[in-house]
Amino acid sequence: MPAPVLSDDMPPETDILDPRRRRLVFRAHHRGTKEADLMIGRFVATNIAGFTPAELDELEAVLEYPDVDLADWLSGRRPIPPECRTPMLDRMAVECAGSGAGLPAELRPR
């Protein structure tokens, strides 16, 4: 079976990741809404290489939530419901809370 072709908007470092991690990066960057793509995609691309197998399981569970809910929770527009709260989702919320979350450092507002 041929190797999957990475899209132009995938970070170049994804080609050194194992297939599970590459799939998760792809899913994080192709959520359906640009806001979610930016916030979730940047978080996943930045951290995916260091995630343990248990953290990958948690990330997969988080990615099952609808974009609207994730975008609201991660931007702080709505609190994360207690029944949905996980260490991974909390970590994502902290990293996505800053102004310009999802944007490369050089494009973030100062």
PDB file of N, CA and C in Angstrom:
ATOM      1  N   MET A   1       0.848  -1.175   0.000  1.00  0.00           N
ATOM      2  CA  MET A   1       0.000   0.000   0.000  1.00  0.00           C
ATOM      3  C   MET A   1       0.892   1.235   0.000  1.00  0.00           C
ATOM      4  N   PRO A   2       0.622   2.198  -0.871  1.00  0.00           N
ATOM      5  CA  PRO A   2       1.468   3.400  -0.922  1.00  0.00           C
ATOM      6  C   PRO A   2       1.277   4.257   0.322  1.00  0.00           C
ATOM      7  N   ALA A   3       2.307   5.025   0.635  1.00  0.00           N
ATOM      8  CA  ALA A   3       2.240   5.940   1.782  1.00  0.00           C
ATOM      9  C   ALA A   3       1.221   7.027   1.490  1.00  0.00           C
ATOM     10  N   PRO A   4       0.488   7.487   2.525  1.00  0.00           N
ATOM     11  CA  PRO A   4      -0.479   8.559   2.300  1.00  0.00           C
ATOM     12  C   PRO A   4       0.220   9.836   1.869  1.00  0.00           C
ATOM     13  N   VAL A   5      -0.424  10.566   1.003  1.00  0.00           N
ATOM     14  CA  VAL A   5       0.104  11.834   0.533  1.00  0.00           C
ATOM     15  C   VAL A   5      -0.344  12.926   1.495  1.00  0.00           C
ATOM     16  N   LEU A   6       0.595  13.722   1.952  1.00  0.00           N
ATOM     17  CA  LEU A   6       0.268  14.811   2.858  1.00  0.00           C
ATOM     18  C   LEU A   6      -0.226  15.998   2.055  1.00  0.00           C
ATOM     19  N   SER A   7      -1.209  16.684   2.594  1.00  0.00           N
ATOM     20  CA  SER A   7      -1.716  17.860   1.896  1.00  0.00           C
ATOM     21  C   SER A   7      -0.766  19.032   2.114  1.00  0.00           C
ATOM     22  N   ASP A   8      -0.921  20.061   1.305  1.00  0.00           N
ATOM     23  CA  ASP A   8      -0.040  21.221   1.374  1.00  0.00           C
ATOM     24  C   ASP A   8      -0.119  21.962   2.699  1.00  0.00           C
ATOM     25  N   ASP A   9      -1.252  21.827   3.401  1.00  0.00           N
ATOM     26  CA  ASP A   9      -1.388  22.563   4.655  1.00  0.00           C
ATOM     27  C   ASP A   9      -0.991  21.738   5.876  1.00  0.00           C
ATOM     28  N   MET A  10      -0.405  20.571   5.658  1.00  0.00           N
ATOM     29  CA  MET A  10       0.087  19.762   6.759  1.00  0.00           C
ATOM     30  C   MET A  10       1.497  20.215   7.111  1.00  0.00           C
ATOM     31  N   PRO A  11       1.821  20.269   8.400  1.00  0.00           N
ATOM     32  CA  PRO A  11       3.176  20.661   8.777  1.00  0.00           C
ATOM     33  C   PRO A  11       4.195  19.689   8.180  1.00  0.00           C
ATOM     34  N   PRO A  12       5.331  20.172   7.696  1.00  0.00           N
ATOM     35  CA  PRO A  12       6.304  19.305   7.041  1.00  0.00           C
ATOM     36  C   PRO A  12       6.880  18.231   7.952  1.00  0.00           C
ATOM     37  N   GLU A  13       6.918  18.476   9.249  1.00  0.00           N
ATOM     38  CA  GLU A  13       7.499  17.491  10.165  1.00  0.00           C
ATOM     39  C   GLU A  13       6.621  16.251  10.344  1.00  0.00           C
ATOM     40  N   THR A  14       5.410  16.259   9.811  1.00  0.00           N
ATOM     41  CA  THR A  14       4.523  15.107   9.977  1.00  0.00           C
ATOM     42  C   THR A  14       5.007  13.886   9.221  1.00  0.00           C
ATOM     43  N   ASP A  15       5.882  14.055   8.242  1.00  0.00           N
ATOM     44  CA  ASP A  15       6.332  12.895   7.477  1.00  0.00           C
ATOM     45  C   ASP A  15       7.224  11.963   8.292  1.00  0.00           C
ATOM     46  N   ILE A  16       7.713  12.398   9.449  1.00  0.00           N
ATOM     47  CA  ILE A  16       8.537  11.534  10.286  1.00  0.00           C
ATOM     48  C   ILE A  16       7.726  10.855  11.384  1.00  0.00           C
ATOM     49  N   LEU A  17       6.431  11.125  11.461  1.00  0.00           N
ATOM     50  CA  LEU A  17       5.569  10.546  12.485  1.00  0.00           C
ATOM     51  C   LEU A  17       5.039   9.186  12.050  1.00  0.00           C
ATOM     52  N   ASP A  18       4.677   8.378  13.039  1.00  0.00           N
ATOM     53  CA  ASP A  18       4.055   7.095  12.724  1.00  0.00           C
ATOM     54  C   ASP A  18       2.644   7.345  12.177  1.00  0.00           C
ATOM     55  N   PRO A  19       2.036   6.361  11.514  1.00  0.00           N
ATOM     56  CA  PRO A  19       0.741   6.572  10.863  1.00  0.00           C
ATOM     57  C   PRO A  19      -0.372   7.071  11.793  1.00  0.00           C
ATOM     58  N   ARG A  20      -0.435   6.573  13.022  1.00  0.00           N
ATOM     59  CA  ARG A  20      -1.489   7.021  13.939  1.00  0.00           C
ATOM     60  C   ARG A  20      -1.353   8.513  14.215  1.00  0.00           C
ATOM     61  N   ARG A  21      -0.153   8.952  14.486  1.00  0.00           N
ATOM     62  CA  ARG A  21       0.069  10.370  14.789  1.00  0.00           C
ATOM     63  C   ARG A  21      -0.203  11.239  13.557  1.00  0.00           C
ATOM     64  N   ARG A  22       0.191  10.769  12.376  1.00  0.00           N
ATOM     65  CA  ARG A  22      -0.104  11.529  11.152  1.00  0.00           C
ATOM     66  C   ARG A  22      -1.605  11.663  10.933  1.00  0.00           C
ATOM     67  N   ARG A  23      -2.337  10.590  11.190  1.00  0.00           N
ATOM     68  CA  ARG A  23      -3.800  10.663  11.044  1.00  0.00           C
ATOM     69  C   ARG A  23      -4.392  11.684  12.011  1.00  0.00           C
ATOM     70  N   LEU A  24      -3.891  11.701  13.229  1.00  0.00           N
ATOM     71  CA  LEU A  24      -4.406  12.653  14.217  1.00  0.00           C
ATOM     72  C   LEU A  24      -4.073  14.089  13.828  1.00  0.00           C
ATOM     73  N   VAL A  25      -2.888  14.336  13.314  1.00  0.00           N
ATOM     74  CA  VAL A  25      -2.535  15.684  12.851  1.00  0.00           C
ATOM     75  C   VAL A  25      -3.469  16.079  11.709  1.00  0.00           C
ATOM     76  N   PHE A  26      -3.700  15.169  10.783  1.00  0.00           N
ATOM     77  CA  PHE A  26      -4.593  15.459   9.664  1.00  0.00           C
ATOM     78  C   PHE A  26      -6.001  15.786  10.172  1.00  0.00           C
ATOM     79  N   ARG A  27      -6.529  14.943  11.076  1.00  0.00           N
ATOM     80  CA  ARG A  27      -7.870  15.186  11.634  1.00  0.00           C
ATOM     81  C   ARG A  27      -7.942  16.526  12.346  1.00  0.00           C
ATOM     82  N   ALA A  28      -6.884  16.879  13.057  1.00  0.00           N
ATOM     83  CA  ALA A  28      -6.877  18.139  13.806  1.00  0.00           C
ATOM     84  C   ALA A  28      -6.853  19.351  12.879  1.00  0.00           C
ATOM     85  N   HIS A  29      -6.227  19.217  11.731  1.00  0.00           N
ATOM     86  CA  HIS A  29      -6.131  20.328  10.773  1.00  0.00           C
ATOM     87  C   HIS A  29      -7.312  20.385   9.815  1.00  0.00           C
ATOM     88  N   HIS A  30      -8.148  19.380   9.812  1.00  0.00           N
ATOM     89  CA  HIS A  30      -9.279  19.313   8.874  1.00  0.00           C
ATOM     90  C   HIS A  30     -10.570  19.043   9.629  1.00  0.00           C
ATOM     91  N   ARG A  31     -10.915  19.934  10.526  1.00  0.00           N
ATOM     92  CA  ARG A  31     -12.077  19.769  11.384  1.00  0.00           C
ATOM     93  C   ARG A  31     -13.373  20.135  10.670  1.00  0.00           C
ATOM     94  N   GLY A  32     -13.336  21.150   9.868  1.00  0.00           N
ATOM     95  CA  GLY A  32     -14.557  21.609   9.205  1.00  0.00           C
ATOM     96  C   GLY A  32     -14.782  23.093   9.356  1.00  0.00           C
ATOM     97  N   THR A  33     -14.295  23.665  10.443  1.00  0.00           N
ATOM     98  CA  THR A  33     -14.356  25.117  10.597  1.00  0.00           C
ATOM     99  C   THR A  33     -12.927  25.630  10.734  1.00  0.00           C
ATOM    100  N   LYS A  34     -12.661  26.771  10.150  1.00  0.00           N
ATOM    101  CA  LYS A  34     -11.298  27.314  10.156  1.00  0.00           C
ATOM    102  C   LYS A  34     -10.816  27.596  11.579  1.00  0.00           C
ATOM    103  N   GLU A  35     -11.701  28.098  12.421  1.00  0.00           N
ATOM    104  CA  GLU A  35     -11.323  28.408  13.799  1.00  0.00           C
ATOM    105  C   GLU A  35     -10.828  27.146  14.507  1.00  0.00           C
ATOM    106  N   ALA A  36     -11.591  26.066  14.388  1.00  0.00           N
ATOM    107  CA  ALA A  36     -11.189  24.809  15.026  1.00  0.00           C
ATOM    108  C   ALA A  36      -9.929  24.256  14.379  1.00  0.00           C
ATOM    109  N   ASP A  37      -9.838  24.357  13.054  1.00  0.00           N
ATOM    110  CA  ASP A  37      -8.633  23.881  12.358  1.00  0.00           C
ATOM    111  C   ASP A  37      -7.386  24.559  12.921  1.00  0.00           C
ATOM    112  N   LEU A  38      -7.465  25.874  13.111  1.00  0.00           N
ATOM    113  CA  LEU A  38      -6.310  26.625  13.593  1.00  0.00           C
ATOM    114  C   LEU A  38      -5.960  26.288  15.037  1.00  0.00           C
ATOM    115  N   MET A  39      -6.941  26.341  15.918  1.00  0.00           N
ATOM    116  CA  MET A  39      -6.670  26.098  17.334  1.00  0.00           C
ATOM    117  C   MET A  39      -6.239  24.658  17.587  1.00  0.00           C
ATOM    118  N   ILE A  40      -7.040  23.722  17.143  1.00  0.00           N
ATOM    119  CA  ILE A  40      -6.773  22.315  17.420  1.00  0.00           C
ATOM    120  C   ILE A  40      -5.573  21.836  16.612  1.00  0.00           C
ATOM    121  N   GLY A  41      -5.510  22.238  15.354  1.00  0.00           N
ATOM    122  CA  GLY A  41      -4.402  21.819  14.500  1.00  0.00           C
ATOM    123  C   GLY A  41      -3.057  22.259  15.030  1.00  0.00           C
ATOM    124  N   ARG A  42      -2.953  23.508  15.459  1.00  0.00           N
ATOM    125  CA  ARG A  42      -1.682  24.025  15.989  1.00  0.00           C
ATOM    126  C   ARG A  42      -1.307  23.285  17.274  1.00  0.00           C
ATOM    127  N   PHE A  43      -2.279  23.081  18.163  1.00  0.00           N
ATOM    128  CA  PHE A  43      -1.999  22.363  19.408  1.00  0.00           C
ATOM    129  C   PHE A  43      -1.475  20.971  19.112  1.00  0.00           C
ATOM    130  N   VAL A  44      -2.169  20.247  18.241  1.00  0.00           N
ATOM    131  CA  VAL A  44      -1.787  18.867  17.945  1.00  0.00           C
ATOM    132  C   VAL A  44      -0.434  18.827  17.238  1.00  0.00           C
ATOM    133  N   ALA A  45      -0.227  19.667  16.232  1.00  0.00           N
ATOM    134  CA  ALA A  45       1.035  19.654  15.499  1.00  0.00           C
ATOM    135  C   ALA A  45       2.214  19.968  16.418  1.00  0.00           C
ATOM    136  N   THR A  46       2.005  20.848  17.372  1.00  0.00           N
ATOM    137  CA  THR A  46       3.069  21.240  18.293  1.00  0.00           C
ATOM    138  C   THR A  46       3.410  20.133  19.293  1.00  0.00           C
ATOM    139  N   ASN A  47       2.416  19.352  19.703  1.00  0.00           N
ATOM    140  CA  ASN A  47       2.601  18.413  20.805  1.00  0.00           C
ATOM    141  C   ASN A  47       2.576  16.937  20.436  1.00  0.00           C
ATOM    142  N   ILE A  48       2.146  16.594  19.241  1.00  0.00           N
ATOM    143  CA  ILE A  48       1.874  15.198  18.893  1.00  0.00           C
ATOM    144  C   ILE A  48       3.066  14.266  19.088  1.00  0.00           C
ATOM    145  N   ALA A  49       4.250  14.695  18.766  1.00  0.00           N
ATOM    146  CA  ALA A  49       5.417  13.819  18.851  1.00  0.00           C
ATOM    147  C   ALA A  49       5.686  13.352  20.279  1.00  0.00           C
ATOM    148  N   GLY A  50       5.322  14.163  21.267  1.00  0.00           N
ATOM    149  CA  GLY A  50       5.600  13.818  22.652  1.00  0.00           C
ATOM    150  C   GLY A  50       4.478  13.115  23.394  1.00  0.00           C
ATOM    151  N   PHE A  51       3.331  12.930  22.743  1.00  0.00           N
ATOM    152  CA  PHE A  51       2.207  12.289  23.423  1.00  0.00           C
ATOM    153  C   PHE A  51       2.463  10.807  23.651  1.00  0.00           C
ATOM    154  N   THR A  52       2.075  10.337  24.829  1.00  0.00           N
ATOM    155  CA  THR A  52       2.126   8.914  25.146  1.00  0.00           C
ATOM    156  C   THR A  52       0.951   8.215  24.465  1.00  0.00           C
ATOM    157  N   PRO A  53       0.961   6.888  24.390  1.00  0.00           N
ATOM    158  CA  PRO A  53      -0.199   6.187  23.829  1.00  0.00           C
ATOM    159  C   PRO A  53      -1.504   6.526  24.561  1.00  0.00           C
ATOM    160  N   ALA A  54      -1.454   6.688  25.862  1.00  0.00           N
ATOM    161  CA  ALA A  54      -2.663   7.057  26.613  1.00  0.00           C
ATOM    162  C   ALA A  54      -3.139   8.457  26.229  1.00  0.00           C
ATOM    163  N   GLU A  55      -2.206   9.377  26.029  1.00  0.00           N
ATOM    164  CA  GLU A  55      -2.578  10.733  25.607  1.00  0.00           C
ATOM    165  C   GLU A  55      -3.141  10.728  24.185  1.00  0.00           C
ATOM    166  N   LEU A  56      -2.623   9.864  23.333  1.00  0.00           N
ATOM    167  CA  LEU A  56      -3.185   9.744  21.990  1.00  0.00           C
ATOM    168  C   LEU A  56      -4.628   9.255  22.061  1.00  0.00           C
ATOM    169  N   ASP A  57      -4.896   8.322  22.972  1.00  0.00           N
ATOM    170  CA  ASP A  57      -6.276   7.852  23.176  1.00  0.00           C
ATOM    171  C   ASP A  57      -7.168   9.009  23.610  1.00  0.00           C
ATOM    172  N   GLU A  58      -6.673   9.809  24.550  1.00  0.00           N
ATOM    173  CA  GLU A  58      -7.437  10.975  25.022  1.00  0.00           C
ATOM    174  C   GLU A  58      -7.684  11.966  23.894  1.00  0.00           C
ATOM    175  N   LEU A  59      -6.657  12.212  23.084  1.00  0.00           N
ATOM    176  CA  LEU A  59      -6.791  13.139  21.968  1.00  0.00           C
ATOM    177  C   LEU A  59      -7.836  12.632  20.979  1.00  0.00           C
ATOM    178  N   GLU A  60      -7.811  11.350  20.675  1.00  0.00           N
ATOM    179  CA  GLU A  60      -8.810  10.784  19.767  1.00  0.00           C
ATOM    180  C   GLU A  60     -10.212  10.997  20.305  1.00  0.00           C
ATOM    181  N   ALA A  61     -10.381  10.835  21.612  1.00  0.00           N
ATOM    182  CA  ALA A  61     -11.703  11.052  22.223  1.00  0.00           C
ATOM    183  C   ALA A  61     -12.119  12.521  22.108  1.00  0.00           C
ATOM    184  N   VAL A  62     -11.188  13.436  22.336  1.00  0.00           N
ATOM    185  CA  VAL A  62     -11.492  14.867  22.232  1.00  0.00           C
ATOM    186  C   VAL A  62     -11.903  15.221  20.798  1.00  0.00           C
ATOM    187  N   LEU A  63     -11.219  14.652  19.823  1.00  0.00           N
ATOM    188  CA  LEU A  63     -11.508  14.969  18.426  1.00  0.00           C
ATOM    189  C   LEU A  63     -12.878  14.466  17.978  1.00  0.00           C
ATOM    190  N   GLU A  64     -13.530  13.661  18.777  1.00  0.00           N
ATOM    191  CA  GLU A  64     -14.883  13.189  18.462  1.00  0.00           C
ATOM    192  C   GLU A  64     -15.950  14.245  18.760  1.00  0.00           C
ATOM    193  N   TYR A  65     -15.614  15.243  19.587  1.00  0.00           N
ATOM    194  CA  TYR A  65     -16.587  16.284  19.906  1.00  0.00           C
ATOM    195  C   TYR A  65     -16.832  17.172  18.689  1.00  0.00           C
ATOM    196  N   PRO A  66     -18.034  17.720  18.572  1.00  0.00           N
ATOM    197  CA  PRO A  66     -18.332  18.623  17.443  1.00  0.00           C
ATOM    198  C   PRO A  66     -17.470  19.884  17.492  1.00  0.00           C
ATOM    199  N   ASP A  67     -17.165  20.405  16.316  1.00  0.00           N
ATOM    200  CA  ASP A  67     -16.361  21.627  16.192  1.00  0.00           C
ATOM    201  C   ASP A  67     -16.916  22.788  16.992  1.00  0.00           C
ATOM    202  N   VAL A  68     -18.210  22.969  16.928  1.00  0.00           N
ATOM    203  CA  VAL A  68     -18.832  24.111  17.613  1.00  0.00           C
ATOM    204  C   VAL A  68     -18.537  24.048  19.107  1.00  0.00           C
ATOM    205  N   ASP A  69     -18.701  22.873  19.692  1.00  0.00           N
ATOM    206  CA  ASP A  69     -18.430  22.729  21.121  1.00  0.00           C
ATOM    207  C   ASP A  69     -16.952  22.940  21.419  1.00  0.00           C
ATOM    208  N   LEU A  70     -16.083  22.288  20.659  1.00  0.00           N
ATOM    209  CA  LEU A  70     -14.645  22.436  20.904  1.00  0.00           C
ATOM    210  C   LEU A  70     -14.195  23.885  20.762  1.00  0.00           C
ATOM    211  N   ALA A  71     -14.634  24.551  19.721  1.00  0.00           N
ATOM    212  CA  ALA A  71     -14.231  25.946  19.520  1.00  0.00           C
ATOM    213  C   ALA A  71     -14.704  26.817  20.678  1.00  0.00           C
ATOM    214  N   ASP A  72     -15.929  26.604  21.138  1.00  0.00           N
ATOM    215  CA  ASP A  72     -16.438  27.390  22.272  1.00  0.00           C
ATOM    216  C   ASP A  72     -15.672  27.085  23.550  1.00  0.00           C
ATOM    217  N   TRP A  73     -15.409  25.822  23.811  1.00  0.00           N
ATOM    218  CA  TRP A  73     -14.686  25.444  25.033  1.00  0.00           C
ATOM    219  C   TRP A  73     -13.253  25.950  25.002  1.00  0.00           C
ATOM    220  N   LEU A  74     -12.577  25.774  23.872  1.00  0.00           N
ATOM    221  CA  LEU A  74     -11.167  26.129  23.802  1.00  0.00           C
ATOM    222  C   LEU A  74     -10.945  27.638  23.765  1.00  0.00           C
ATOM    223  N   SER A  75     -11.912  28.377  23.256  1.00  0.00           N
ATOM    224  CA  SER A  75     -11.784  29.830  23.221  1.00  0.00           C
ATOM    225  C   SER A  75     -12.271  30.479  24.514  1.00  0.00           C
ATOM    226  N   GLY A  76     -12.909  29.694  25.378  1.00  0.00           N
ATOM    227  CA  GLY A  76     -13.423  30.224  26.635  1.00  0.00           C
ATOM    228  C   GLY A  76     -14.811  30.838  26.530  1.00  0.00           C
ATOM    229  N   ARG A  77     -15.458  30.712  25.378  1.00  0.00           N
ATOM    230  CA  ARG A  77     -16.815  31.258  25.233  1.00  0.00           C
ATOM    231  C   ARG A  77     -17.810  30.515  26.121  1.00  0.00           C
ATOM    232  N   ARG A  78     -17.559  29.229  26.314  1.00  0.00           N
ATOM    233  CA  ARG A  78     -18.388  28.416  27.206  1.00  0.00           C
ATOM    234  C   ARG A  78     -17.460  27.545  28.034  1.00  0.00           C
ATOM    235  N   PRO A  79     -17.826  27.256  29.273  1.00  0.00           N
ATOM    236  CA  PRO A  79     -16.989  26.365  30.079  1.00  0.00           C
ATOM    237  C   PRO A  79     -17.109  24.919  29.575  1.00  0.00           C
ATOM    238  N   ILE A  80     -16.063  24.153  29.793  1.00  0.00           N
ATOM    239  CA  ILE A  80     -16.092  22.735  29.440  1.00  0.00           C
ATOM    240  C   ILE A  80     -17.008  22.043  30.438  1.00  0.00           C
ATOM    241  N   PRO A  81     -18.028  21.322  29.963  1.00  0.00           N
ATOM    242  CA  PRO A  81     -18.919  20.621  30.889  1.00  0.00           C
ATOM    243  C   PRO A  81     -18.141  19.574  31.697  1.00  0.00           C
ATOM    244  N   PRO A  82     -18.482  19.410  32.962  1.00  0.00           N
ATOM    245  CA  PRO A  82     -17.750  18.457  33.813  1.00  0.00           C
ATOM    246  C   PRO A  82     -17.690  17.045  33.224  1.00  0.00           C
ATOM    247  N   GLU A  83     -18.747  16.613  32.565  1.00  0.00           N
ATOM    248  CA  GLU A  83     -18.762  15.252  32.016  1.00  0.00           C
ATOM    249  C   GLU A  83     -17.849  15.100  30.795  1.00  0.00           C
ATOM    250  N   CYS A  84     -17.398  16.202  30.233  1.00  0.00           N
ATOM    251  CA  CYS A  84     -16.503  16.170  29.062  1.00  0.00           C
ATOM    252  C   CYS A  84     -15.058  16.471  29.431  1.00  0.00           C
ATOM    253  N   ARG A  85     -14.858  16.999  30.615  1.00  0.00           N
ATOM    254  CA  ARG A  85     -13.532  17.456  31.030  1.00  0.00           C
ATOM    255  C   ARG A  85     -12.561  16.280  31.169  1.00  0.00           C
ATOM    256  N   THR A  86     -11.397  16.413  30.525  1.00  0.00           N
ATOM    257  CA  THR A  86     -10.313  15.441  30.618  1.00  0.00           C
ATOM    258  C   THR A  86      -9.004  16.220  30.736  1.00  0.00           C
ATOM    259  N   PRO A  87      -7.941  15.580  31.184  1.00  0.00           N
ATOM    260  CA  PRO A  87      -6.654  16.290  31.227  1.00  0.00           C
ATOM    261  C   PRO A  87      -6.237  16.829  29.850  1.00  0.00           C
ATOM    262  N   MET A  88      -6.508  16.077  28.789  1.00  0.00           N
ATOM    263  CA  MET A  88      -6.136  16.532  27.446  1.00  0.00           C
ATOM    264  C   MET A  88      -6.937  17.767  27.054  1.00  0.00           C
ATOM    265  N   LEU A  89      -8.237  17.748  27.292  1.00  0.00           N
ATOM    266  CA  LEU A  89      -9.073  18.894  26.934  1.00  0.00           C
ATOM    267  C   LEU A  89      -8.695  20.118  27.779  1.00  0.00           C
ATOM    268  N   ASP A  90      -8.387  19.906  29.047  1.00  0.00           N
ATOM    269  CA  ASP A  90      -7.935  21.018  29.890  1.00  0.00           C
ATOM    270  C   ASP A  90      -6.626  21.602  29.361  1.00  0.00           C
ATOM    271  N   ARG A  91      -5.704  20.737  28.986  1.00  0.00           N
ATOM    272  CA  ARG A  91      -4.421  21.198  28.446  1.00  0.00           C
ATOM    273  C   ARG A  91      -4.626  21.988  27.153  1.00  0.00           C
ATOM    274  N   MET A  92      -5.497  21.493  26.300  1.00  0.00           N
ATOM    275  CA  MET A  92      -5.799  22.198  25.059  1.00  0.00           C
ATOM    276  C   MET A  92      -6.401  23.561  25.351  1.00  0.00           C
ATOM    277  N   ALA A  93      -7.313  23.630  26.320  1.00  0.00           N
ATOM    278  CA  ALA A  93      -7.966  24.896  26.659  1.00  0.00           C
ATOM    279  C   ALA A  93      -6.957  25.919  27.156  1.00  0.00           C
ATOM    280  N   VAL A  94      -6.005  25.483  27.969  1.00  0.00           N
ATOM    281  CA  VAL A  94      -4.981  26.400  28.477  1.00  0.00           C
ATOM    282  C   VAL A  94      -4.139  26.935  27.325  1.00  0.00           C
ATOM    283  N   GLU A  95      -3.702  26.050  26.426  1.00  0.00           N
ATOM    284  CA  GLU A  95      -2.844  26.478  25.321  1.00  0.00           C
ATOM    285  C   GLU A  95      -3.590  27.306  24.276  1.00  0.00           C
ATOM    286  N   CYS A  96      -4.886  27.090  24.162  1.00  0.00           N
ATOM    287  CA  CYS A  96      -5.669  27.813  23.148  1.00  0.00           C
ATOM    288  C   CYS A  96      -6.281  29.101  23.684  1.00  0.00           C
ATOM    289  N   ALA A  97      -6.135  29.370  24.978  1.00  0.00           N
ATOM    290  CA  ALA A  97      -6.789  30.526  25.592  1.00  0.00           C
ATOM    291  C   ALA A  97      -6.155  31.858  25.209  1.00  0.00           C
ATOM    292  N   GLY A  98      -4.900  31.835  24.821  1.00  0.00           N
ATOM    293  CA  GLY A  98      -4.204  33.085  24.516  1.00  0.00           C
ATOM    294  C   GLY A  98      -4.682  33.725  23.231  1.00  0.00           C
ATOM    295  N   SER A  99      -4.472  35.009  23.130  1.00  0.00           N
ATOM    296  CA  SER A  99      -4.823  35.750  21.925  1.00  0.00           C
ATOM    297  C   SER A  99      -4.005  35.227  20.747  1.00  0.00           C
ATOM    298  N   GLY A 100      -4.667  34.954  19.642  1.00  0.00           N
ATOM    299  CA  GLY A 100      -3.989  34.465  18.450  1.00  0.00           C
ATOM    300  C   GLY A 100      -3.681  32.984  18.488  1.00  0.00           C
ATOM    301  N   ALA A 101      -4.354  32.237  19.364  1.00  0.00           N
ATOM    302  CA  ALA A 101      -4.121  30.800  19.449  1.00  0.00           C
ATOM    303  C   ALA A 101      -4.335  30.175  18.080  1.00  0.00           C
ATOM    304  N   GLY A 102      -3.436  29.296  17.725  1.00  0.00           N
ATOM    305  CA  GLY A 102      -3.524  28.641  16.440  1.00  0.00           C
ATOM    306  C   GLY A 102      -2.678  29.282  15.371  1.00  0.00           C
ATOM    307  N   LEU A 103      -2.278  30.522  15.607  1.00  0.00           N
ATOM    308  CA  LEU A 103      -1.443  31.218  14.627  1.00  0.00           C
ATOM    309  C   LEU A 103       0.030  31.001  14.957  1.00  0.00           C
ATOM    310  N   PRO A 104       0.879  30.991  13.951  1.00  0.00           N
ATOM    311  CA  PRO A 104       2.316  30.935  14.229  1.00  0.00           C
ATOM    312  C   PRO A 104       2.724  32.135  15.080  1.00  0.00           C
ATOM    313  N   ALA A 105       3.746  31.983  15.863  1.00  0.00           N
ATOM    314  CA  ALA A 105       4.183  33.036  16.791  1.00  0.00           C
ATOM    315  C   ALA A 105       4.391  34.375  16.096  1.00  0.00           C
ATOM    316  N   GLU A 106       4.924  34.356  14.890  1.00  0.00           N
ATOM    317  CA  GLU A 106       5.206  35.628  14.207  1.00  0.00           C
ATOM    318  C   GLU A 106       3.941  36.360  13.760  1.00  0.00           C
ATOM    319  N   LEU A 107       2.800  35.691  13.748  1.00  0.00           N
ATOM    320  CA  LEU A 107       1.539  36.335  13.340  1.00  0.00           C
ATOM    321  C   LEU A 107       0.626  36.685  14.515  1.00  0.00           C
ATOM    322  N   ARG A 108       1.001  36.268  15.722  1.00  0.00           N
ATOM    323  CA  ARG A 108       0.157  36.533  16.892  1.00  0.00           C
ATOM    324  C   ARG A 108       0.227  37.997  17.286  1.00  0.00           C
ATOM    325  N   PRO A 109      -0.911  38.534  17.757  1.00  0.00           N
ATOM    326  CA  PRO A 109      -0.905  39.928  18.242  1.00  0.00           C
ATOM    327  C   PRO A 109       0.001  40.053  19.462  1.00  0.00           C
ATOM    328  N   ARG A 110       0.624  41.176  19.553  1.00  0.00           N
ATOM    329  CA  ARG A 110       1.529  41.417  20.693  1.00  0.00           C
ATOM    330  C   ARG A 110       0.874  42.289  21.707  1.00  0.00           C
TER     331      ARG A 110
END
